[in-house]
Amino acid sequence: MKYLILIYRDPPCAGPGHAAHAALTHELAGGGELIAAETLADPSLTRRVHAGAVVDGPLPGAGAQPAAFYLVECETLDCALRHAAQAPEAAAGRVEVRPVLCRGGLEM
């Protein structure tokens, strides 16, 4: 099953633990579980679509912002959670793991 591991940080906090993320990426790739891993641009570069208009900035009132993600293929949720726990942000409760429910297209 696919899981999205979302890494959150409070702006303007710089990204901690570069070596830890490099090691996690290497482990996931070596185990054949990594599909994609990316760092997101600064939240100040966010654009939203609201009622047909383009609005600058992240959602109002949002504290911690998504900063990076890993898309992984793991046998179980527990496996994905073990990987997520290796991110340095996990110590502060800033990592989410979400199952990916469908292929292609949105099902809501």
N, C-alpha and C. Protein backbone atom coordinates (compact mmCIF):
# COMPACT_ATOMS: atom_id res chain seq x y z
N MET A 1 0.84 -1.17 0.00
CA MET A 1 0.00 0.00 0.00
C MET A 1 0.89 1.24 0.00
N LYS A 2 0.38 2.30 -0.61
CA LYS A 2 1.12 3.55 -0.65
C LYS A 2 0.74 4.41 0.55
N TYR A 3 1.75 5.11 1.07
CA TYR A 3 1.57 6.04 2.19
C TYR A 3 2.31 7.33 1.88
N LEU A 4 1.70 8.44 2.29
CA LEU A 4 2.34 9.73 2.18
C LEU A 4 2.81 10.13 3.56
N ILE A 5 4.11 10.35 3.69
CA ILE A 5 4.69 10.82 4.94
C ILE A 5 4.92 12.32 4.77
N LEU A 6 4.17 13.12 5.53
CA LEU A 6 4.25 14.57 5.45
C LEU A 6 5.07 15.13 6.60
N ILE A 7 6.04 15.96 6.27
CA ILE A 7 6.92 16.58 7.26
C ILE A 7 6.48 18.04 7.41
N TYR A 8 6.20 18.48 8.64
CA TYR A 8 5.76 19.85 8.91
C TYR A 8 6.84 20.60 9.67
N ARG A 9 6.92 21.91 9.41
CA ARG A 9 7.81 22.79 10.16
C ARG A 9 7.11 24.12 10.38
N ASP A 10 7.46 24.79 11.49
CA ASP A 10 6.96 26.13 11.74
C ASP A 10 7.81 27.12 10.96
N PRO A 11 7.18 27.97 10.14
CA PRO A 11 7.98 28.99 9.49
C PRO A 11 8.44 29.99 10.53
N PRO A 12 9.57 30.63 10.38
CA PRO A 12 10.52 30.49 9.28
C PRO A 12 11.63 29.51 9.61
N CYS A 13 11.36 28.54 10.44
CA CYS A 13 12.36 27.55 10.88
C CYS A 13 13.06 26.89 9.70
N ALA A 14 14.35 26.87 9.75
CA ALA A 14 15.13 26.19 8.71
C ALA A 14 15.01 24.69 8.90
N GLY A 15 15.29 23.95 7.85
CA GLY A 15 15.16 22.50 7.88
C GLY A 15 16.21 21.82 8.73
N PRO A 16 15.82 21.24 9.86
CA PRO A 16 16.79 20.53 10.69
C PRO A 16 17.06 19.13 10.16
N GLY A 17 18.18 18.59 10.52
CA GLY A 17 18.42 17.18 10.29
C GLY A 17 18.64 16.76 8.85
N HIS A 18 19.36 17.58 8.08
CA HIS A 18 19.60 17.21 6.68
C HIS A 18 20.20 15.80 6.58
N ALA A 19 21.16 15.48 7.44
CA ALA A 19 21.79 14.16 7.39
C ALA A 19 20.78 13.05 7.71
N ALA A 20 19.88 13.30 8.65
CA ALA A 20 18.87 12.30 9.00
C ALA A 20 17.93 12.05 7.82
N HIS A 21 17.55 13.11 7.12
CA HIS A 21 16.67 12.94 5.96
C HIS A 21 17.41 12.24 4.82
N ALA A 22 18.68 12.55 4.64
CA ALA A 22 19.46 11.87 3.60
C ALA A 22 19.56 10.38 3.91
N ALA A 23 19.76 10.04 5.17
CA ALA A 23 19.85 8.63 5.56
C ALA A 23 18.51 7.92 5.37
N LEU A 24 17.41 8.59 5.72
CA LEU A 24 16.09 7.99 5.54
C LEU A 24 15.80 7.77 4.06
N THR A 25 16.10 8.76 3.23
CA THR A 25 15.90 8.63 1.79
C THR A 25 16.71 7.46 1.24
N HIS A 26 17.96 7.35 1.67
CA HIS A 26 18.83 6.26 1.23
C HIS A 26 18.27 4.90 1.66
N GLU A 27 17.79 4.82 2.89
CA GLU A 27 17.21 3.55 3.40
C GLU A 27 15.97 3.15 2.61
N LEU A 28 15.07 4.12 2.39
CA LEU A 28 13.85 3.84 1.64
C LEU A 28 14.15 3.42 0.21
N ALA A 29 15.08 4.13 -0.43
CA ALA A 29 15.45 3.79 -1.81
C ALA A 29 16.11 2.42 -1.87
N GLY A 30 16.99 2.14 -0.93
CA GLY A 30 17.69 0.86 -0.91
C GLY A 30 16.75 -0.31 -0.67
N GLY A 31 15.68 -0.08 0.07
CA GLY A 31 14.70 -1.14 0.35
C GLY A 31 13.61 -1.24 -0.70
N GLY A 32 13.69 -0.39 -1.73
CA GLY A 32 12.69 -0.42 -2.79
C GLY A 32 11.33 0.14 -2.39
N GLU A 33 11.27 0.88 -1.28
CA GLU A 33 9.99 1.40 -0.80
C GLU A 33 9.75 2.85 -1.22
N LEU A 34 10.78 3.56 -1.66
CA LEU A 34 10.65 4.97 -2.00
C LEU A 34 10.08 5.14 -3.40
N ILE A 35 8.99 5.91 -3.50
CA ILE A 35 8.42 6.28 -4.79
C ILE A 35 8.87 7.68 -5.14
N ALA A 36 8.78 8.61 -4.18
CA ALA A 36 9.21 9.99 -4.40
C ALA A 36 9.50 10.63 -3.06
N ALA A 37 10.42 11.59 -3.06
CA ALA A 37 10.72 12.39 -1.88
C ALA A 37 11.11 13.77 -2.37
N GLU A 38 10.48 14.78 -1.82
CA GLU A 38 10.73 16.16 -2.26
C GLU A 38 10.64 17.11 -1.08
N THR A 39 11.41 18.20 -1.17
CA THR A 39 11.31 19.31 -0.24
C THR A 39 10.45 20.37 -0.90
N LEU A 40 9.55 20.96 -0.15
CA LEU A 40 8.66 21.98 -0.69
C LEU A 40 9.26 23.37 -0.52
N ALA A 41 8.88 24.29 -1.41
CA ALA A 41 9.35 25.66 -1.35
C ALA A 41 8.83 26.35 -0.08
N ASP A 42 9.42 27.47 0.25
CA ASP A 42 9.03 28.27 1.40
C ASP A 42 7.53 28.58 1.33
N PRO A 43 6.82 28.53 2.46
CA PRO A 43 5.38 28.80 2.46
C PRO A 43 5.01 30.16 1.87
N SER A 44 5.92 31.13 1.93
CA SER A 44 5.62 32.45 1.38
C SER A 44 5.38 32.41 -0.13
N LEU A 45 5.81 31.33 -0.78
CA LEU A 45 5.62 31.18 -2.22
C LEU A 45 4.31 30.47 -2.57
N THR A 46 3.54 30.12 -1.55
CA THR A 46 2.27 29.40 -1.75
C THR A 46 1.25 30.28 -2.45
N ARG A 47 0.51 29.68 -3.36
CA ARG A 47 -0.64 30.32 -4.01
C ARG A 47 -1.83 29.38 -3.83
N ARG A 48 -3.00 29.93 -3.49
CA ARG A 48 -4.21 29.16 -3.30
C ARG A 48 -5.27 29.64 -4.29
N VAL A 49 -6.19 28.78 -4.58
CA VAL A 49 -7.35 29.18 -5.38
C VAL A 49 -8.54 29.22 -4.42
N HIS A 50 -9.17 30.38 -4.33
CA HIS A 50 -10.30 30.56 -3.42
C HIS A 50 -11.41 31.27 -4.17
N ALA A 51 -12.54 30.61 -4.32
CA ALA A 51 -13.70 31.18 -5.00
C ALA A 51 -13.33 31.72 -6.39
N GLY A 52 -12.48 30.98 -7.08
CA GLY A 52 -12.10 31.35 -8.44
C GLY A 52 -10.99 32.37 -8.54
N ALA A 53 -10.51 32.89 -7.41
CA ALA A 53 -9.43 33.87 -7.42
C ALA A 53 -8.16 33.25 -6.87
N VAL A 54 -7.02 33.71 -7.37
CA VAL A 54 -5.73 33.26 -6.86
C VAL A 54 -5.33 34.16 -5.69
N VAL A 55 -5.00 33.53 -4.56
CA VAL A 55 -4.66 34.25 -3.34
C VAL A 55 -3.24 33.85 -2.93
N ASP A 56 -2.46 34.83 -2.49
CA ASP A 56 -1.09 34.57 -2.04
C ASP A 56 -1.09 34.04 -0.62
N GLY A 57 -0.17 33.11 -0.35
CA GLY A 57 0.07 32.64 1.01
C GLY A 57 -0.69 31.39 1.38
N PRO A 58 -0.21 30.73 2.44
CA PRO A 58 -0.86 29.50 2.92
C PRO A 58 -2.20 29.80 3.57
N LEU A 59 -2.92 28.76 3.94
CA LEU A 59 -4.22 28.91 4.59
C LEU A 59 -4.08 29.78 5.84
N PRO A 60 -5.04 30.69 6.08
CA PRO A 60 -4.97 31.55 7.26
C PRO A 60 -5.01 30.72 8.54
N GLY A 61 -4.25 31.16 9.51
CA GLY A 61 -4.24 30.49 10.80
C GLY A 61 -3.42 29.22 10.86
N ALA A 62 -2.83 28.84 9.72
CA ALA A 62 -2.03 27.62 9.71
C ALA A 62 -0.72 27.88 10.44
N GLY A 63 -0.38 27.03 11.37
CA GLY A 63 0.88 27.16 12.09
C GLY A 63 1.98 26.46 11.32
N ALA A 64 2.21 25.21 11.69
CA ALA A 64 3.22 24.42 11.00
C ALA A 64 2.80 24.22 9.56
N GLN A 65 3.75 24.32 8.67
CA GLN A 65 3.48 24.20 7.23
C GLN A 65 4.12 22.93 6.68
N PRO A 66 3.49 22.30 5.67
CA PRO A 66 4.15 21.17 5.02
C PRO A 66 5.48 21.64 4.44
N ALA A 67 6.54 20.92 4.72
CA ALA A 67 7.87 21.31 4.28
C ALA A 67 8.50 20.28 3.35
N ALA A 68 8.07 19.04 3.44
CA ALA A 68 8.64 17.97 2.62
C ALA A 68 7.71 16.77 2.68
N PHE A 69 7.95 15.82 1.78
CA PHE A 69 7.15 14.60 1.82
C PHE A 69 7.94 13.44 1.25
N TYR A 70 7.52 12.26 1.68
CA TYR A 70 7.99 10.99 1.13
C TYR A 70 6.74 10.24 0.68
N LEU A 71 6.72 9.74 -0.52
CA LEU A 71 5.68 8.82 -0.98
C LEU A 71 6.32 7.45 -1.00
N VAL A 72 5.78 6.54 -0.19
CA VAL A 72 6.40 5.23 -0.03
C VAL A 72 5.40 4.11 -0.32
N GLU A 73 5.92 2.96 -0.64
CA GLU A 73 5.13 1.74 -0.81
C GLU A 73 5.59 0.79 0.28
N CYS A 74 4.70 0.53 1.26
CA CYS A 74 5.04 -0.34 2.39
C CYS A 74 4.00 -1.43 2.53
N GLU A 75 4.40 -2.52 3.10
CA GLU A 75 3.48 -3.64 3.33
C GLU A 75 2.39 -3.29 4.33
N THR A 76 2.75 -2.50 5.36
CA THR A 76 1.80 -2.20 6.43
C THR A 76 1.93 -0.74 6.87
N LEU A 77 0.90 -0.26 7.55
CA LEU A 77 0.96 1.07 8.14
C LEU A 77 2.08 1.14 9.18
N ASP A 78 2.25 0.08 9.96
CA ASP A 78 3.31 0.06 10.96
C ASP A 78 4.68 0.27 10.33
N CYS A 79 4.91 -0.31 9.17
CA CYS A 79 6.17 -0.13 8.46
C CYS A 79 6.35 1.35 8.08
N ALA A 80 5.31 1.97 7.53
CA ALA A 80 5.39 3.38 7.16
C ALA A 80 5.62 4.26 8.40
N LEU A 81 4.98 3.92 9.51
CA LEU A 81 5.16 4.67 10.75
C LEU A 81 6.59 4.54 11.28
N ARG A 82 7.19 3.37 11.15
CA ARG A 82 8.59 3.20 11.58
C ARG A 82 9.50 4.11 10.76
N HIS A 83 9.26 4.19 9.46
CA HIS A 83 10.06 5.09 8.62
C HIS A 83 9.83 6.54 9.04
N ALA A 84 8.58 6.93 9.23
CA ALA A 84 8.25 8.30 9.59
C ALA A 84 8.91 8.71 10.91
N ALA A 85 9.02 7.78 11.83
CA ALA A 85 9.63 8.07 13.13
C ALA A 85 11.10 8.42 13.02
N GLN A 86 11.73 8.11 11.91
CA GLN A 86 13.15 8.43 11.72
C GLN A 86 13.38 9.89 11.33
N ALA A 87 12.34 10.58 10.91
CA ALA A 87 12.49 12.00 10.56
C ALA A 87 12.71 12.79 11.84
N PRO A 88 13.65 13.74 11.85
CA PRO A 88 13.90 14.49 13.08
C PRO A 88 12.68 15.26 13.58
N GLU A 89 11.78 15.66 12.68
CA GLU A 89 10.58 16.39 13.07
C GLU A 89 9.60 15.53 13.86
N ALA A 90 9.75 14.22 13.80
CA ALA A 90 8.84 13.31 14.52
C ALA A 90 8.93 13.52 16.03
N ALA A 91 10.09 13.90 16.52
CA ALA A 91 10.25 14.12 17.96
C ALA A 91 9.34 15.23 18.47
N ALA A 92 8.97 16.18 17.59
CA ALA A 92 8.10 17.29 17.97
C ALA A 92 6.67 17.07 17.48
N GLY A 93 6.35 15.85 17.01
CA GLY A 93 5.01 15.56 16.55
C GLY A 93 4.65 16.24 15.24
N ARG A 94 5.64 16.48 14.38
CA ARG A 94 5.44 17.21 13.13
C ARG A 94 5.50 16.32 11.91
N VAL A 95 5.10 15.06 12.05
CA VAL A 95 5.10 14.13 10.91
C VAL A 95 3.75 13.43 10.87
N GLU A 96 3.14 13.40 9.70
CA GLU A 96 1.89 12.67 9.49
C GLU A 96 2.13 11.54 8.50
N VAL A 97 1.39 10.46 8.69
CA VAL A 97 1.39 9.36 7.72
C VAL A 97 -0.05 9.17 7.28
N ARG A 98 -0.27 9.26 5.96
CA ARG A 98 -1.62 9.09 5.42
C ARG A 98 -1.61 8.00 4.36
N PRO A 99 -2.54 7.05 4.45
CA PRO A 99 -2.68 6.07 3.38
C PRO A 99 -3.14 6.77 2.10
N VAL A 100 -2.64 6.30 0.97
CA VAL A 100 -3.10 6.78 -0.34
C VAL A 100 -4.17 5.80 -0.78
N LEU A 101 -5.38 6.27 -1.00
CA LEU A 101 -6.52 5.40 -1.18
C LEU A 101 -6.80 4.96 -2.62
N CYS A 102 -6.41 5.75 -3.61
CA CYS A 102 -6.78 5.37 -4.96
C CYS A 102 -5.67 5.72 -5.96
N ARG A 103 -5.71 5.09 -7.10
CA ARG A 103 -4.77 5.37 -8.18
C ARG A 103 -5.44 6.32 -9.15
N GLY A 104 -4.71 7.34 -9.55
CA GLY A 104 -5.24 8.26 -10.55
C GLY A 104 -6.57 8.86 -10.13
N GLY A 105 -6.90 9.99 -10.62
CA GLY A 105 -8.19 10.61 -10.35
C GLY A 105 -8.50 10.75 -8.88
N LEU A 106 -9.35 11.67 -8.54
CA LEU A 106 -9.74 11.87 -7.16
C LEU A 106 -11.04 11.15 -6.88
N GLU A 107 -11.08 10.43 -5.79
CA GLU A 107 -12.31 9.80 -5.34
C GLU A 107 -12.64 10.41 -3.98
N MET A 108 -13.73 11.12 -3.90
CA MET A 108 -14.11 11.73 -2.62
C MET A 108 -15.53 11.38 -2.28
